[in-house]
Amino acid sequence: MKNKIVINIQTNCEKCRTYAMKEAVKASGANSVELQGENKNRMVVIGEGVDAAALTKSVRKKIKNASLEIVQQLKLEGK
């Protein structure tokens, strides 16, 4: 089952956003990672078997200000 994980990142620095994205891409099971929102302050990770708490913790180690907002299961298409 695929999960959608939304993490709030509080940073205005493009370099910090890049660090956060790289950390999310390294997560086991992550299929896609994108920044959303007006200030690119929401990172959306879609994947299968991604540990949301561990991912948030690793992003927080890189950029200091990250918080888990939403974890939801996505419906599989065609079912």
C-alpha atoms as a PDB file:
ATOM      1  CA  MET A   1       0.000   0.000   0.000  1.00  0.00           C
ATOM      2  CA  LYS A   2       1.399   3.385  -0.985  1.00  0.00           C
ATOM      3  CA  ASN A   3       1.577   6.181   1.554  1.00  0.00           C
ATOM      4  CA  LYS A   4       1.559   9.931   1.138  1.00  0.00           C
ATOM      5  CA  ILE A   5       3.700  11.684   3.748  1.00  0.00           C
ATOM      6  CA  VAL A   6       3.662  15.464   4.145  1.00  0.00           C
ATOM      7  CA  ILE A   7       6.441  17.108   6.150  1.00  0.00           C
ATOM      8  CA  ASN A   8       6.521  20.812   6.965  1.00  0.00           C
ATOM      9  CA  ILE A   9       9.979  22.293   6.519  1.00  0.00           C
ATOM     10  CA  GLN A  10      10.685  25.770   7.853  1.00  0.00           C
ATOM     11  CA  THR A  11      13.457  27.261   5.767  1.00  0.00           C
ATOM     12  CA  ASN A  12      13.952  30.045   3.243  1.00  0.00           C
ATOM     13  CA  CYS A  13      17.288  28.749   2.007  1.00  0.00           C
ATOM     14  CA  GLU A  14      17.326  26.857  -1.304  1.00  0.00           C
ATOM     15  CA  LYS A  15      20.368  24.895  -0.139  1.00  0.00           C
ATOM     16  CA  CYS A  16      18.478  23.646   2.932  1.00  0.00           C
ATOM     17  CA  ARG A  17      15.533  22.571   0.780  1.00  0.00           C
ATOM     18  CA  THR A  18      17.961  20.627  -1.395  1.00  0.00           C
ATOM     19  CA  TYR A  19      19.397  18.876   1.686  1.00  0.00           C
ATOM     20  CA  ALA A  20      15.881  17.931   2.797  1.00  0.00           C
ATOM     21  CA  MET A  21      14.990  16.577  -0.651  1.00  0.00           C
ATOM     22  CA  LYS A  22      18.185  14.509  -0.834  1.00  0.00           C
ATOM     23  CA  GLU A  23      17.480  13.024   2.584  1.00  0.00           C
ATOM     24  CA  ALA A  24      13.932  12.072   1.516  1.00  0.00           C
ATOM     25  CA  VAL A  25      15.130  10.466  -1.710  1.00  0.00           C
ATOM     26  CA  LYS A  26      17.468   8.235   0.320  1.00  0.00           C
ATOM     27  CA  ALA A  27      14.519   6.829   2.287  1.00  0.00           C
ATOM     28  CA  SER A  28      13.821   3.196   1.558  1.00  0.00           C
ATOM     29  CA  GLY A  29      10.658   2.831  -0.530  1.00  0.00           C
ATOM     30  CA  ALA A  30      10.312   6.484  -1.582  1.00  0.00           C
ATOM     31  CA  ASN A  31       9.005   6.736  -5.161  1.00  0.00           C
ATOM     32  CA  SER A  32       8.574  10.490  -5.532  1.00  0.00           C
ATOM     33  CA  VAL A  33       9.493  13.606  -3.586  1.00  0.00           C
ATOM     34  CA  GLU A  34       8.307  17.128  -4.324  1.00  0.00           C
ATOM     35  CA  LEU A  35       8.052  20.524  -2.672  1.00  0.00           C
ATOM     36  CA  GLN A  36       4.651  22.183  -2.556  1.00  0.00           C
ATOM     37  CA  GLY A  37       3.109  25.293  -1.137  1.00  0.00           C
ATOM     38  CA  GLU A  38       3.541  28.975  -1.737  1.00  0.00           C
ATOM     39  CA  ASN A  39       6.952  29.113  -0.061  1.00  0.00           C
ATOM     40  CA  LYS A  40       7.934  25.524  -0.935  1.00  0.00           C
ATOM     41  CA  ASN A  41       7.558  24.684   2.736  1.00  0.00           C
ATOM     42  CA  ARG A  42       5.763  21.339   2.366  1.00  0.00           C
ATOM     43  CA  MET A  43       7.634  18.254   1.248  1.00  0.00           C
ATOM     44  CA  VAL A  44       5.396  15.488  -0.122  1.00  0.00           C
ATOM     45  CA  VAL A  45       6.862  11.983  -0.240  1.00  0.00           C
ATOM     46  CA  ILE A  46       4.981   9.153  -1.925  1.00  0.00           C
ATOM     47  CA  GLY A  47       6.205   5.622  -1.520  1.00  0.00           C
ATOM     48  CA  GLU A  48       5.624   2.143  -0.256  1.00  0.00           C
ATOM     49  CA  GLY A  49       6.877   1.092   3.162  1.00  0.00           C
ATOM     50  CA  VAL A  50       8.377   4.481   4.054  1.00  0.00           C
ATOM     51  CA  ASP A  51       8.721   5.020   7.812  1.00  0.00           C
ATOM     52  CA  ALA A  52       7.278   8.518   8.274  1.00  0.00           C
ATOM     53  CA  ALA A  53       8.719   9.067  11.749  1.00  0.00           C
ATOM     54  CA  ALA A  54      12.220   7.979  10.739  1.00  0.00           C
ATOM     55  CA  LEU A  55      12.063  10.113   7.607  1.00  0.00           C
ATOM     56  CA  THR A  56      10.998  13.183   9.577  1.00  0.00           C
ATOM     57  CA  LYS A  57      13.772  12.575  12.102  1.00  0.00           C
ATOM     58  CA  SER A  58      16.452  12.311   9.395  1.00  0.00           C
ATOM     59  CA  VAL A  59      15.202  15.477   7.657  1.00  0.00           C
ATOM     60  CA  ARG A  60      15.155  17.278  11.006  1.00  0.00           C
ATOM     61  CA  LYS A  61      18.807  16.313  11.568  1.00  0.00           C
ATOM     62  CA  LYS A  62      19.711  17.996   8.262  1.00  0.00           C
ATOM     63  CA  ILE A  63      17.705  21.221   8.436  1.00  0.00           C
ATOM     64  CA  LYS A  64      16.646  21.476  12.125  1.00  0.00           C
ATOM     65  CA  ASN A  65      13.049  22.611  11.486  1.00  0.00           C
ATOM     66  CA  ALA A  66      10.847  19.815  10.183  1.00  0.00           C
ATOM     67  CA  SER A  67       7.572  18.411  11.461  1.00  0.00           C
ATOM     68  CA  LEU A  68       5.364  15.571  10.305  1.00  0.00           C
ATOM     69  CA  GLU A  69       1.995  16.875   9.130  1.00  0.00           C
ATOM     70  CA  ILE A  70       0.084  14.095   7.347  1.00  0.00           C
ATOM     71  CA  VAL A  71       0.433  10.374   6.703  1.00  0.00           C
ATOM     72  CA  GLN A  72      -2.285   8.839   4.570  1.00  0.00           C
ATOM     73  CA  GLN A  73      -2.715   5.696   2.535  1.00  0.00           C
ATOM     74  CA  LEU A  74      -3.368   6.145  -1.154  1.00  0.00           C
ATOM     75  CA  LYS A  75      -5.952   4.055  -2.958  1.00  0.00           C
ATOM     76  CA  LEU A  76      -4.544   1.895  -5.699  1.00  0.00           C
ATOM     77  CA  GLU A  77      -5.791   2.853  -9.151  1.00  0.00           C
ATOM     78  CA  GLY A  78      -8.091   0.360 -10.795  1.00  0.00           C
ATOM     79  CA  LYS A  79      -9.337  -1.207  -7.549  1.00  0.00           C
END
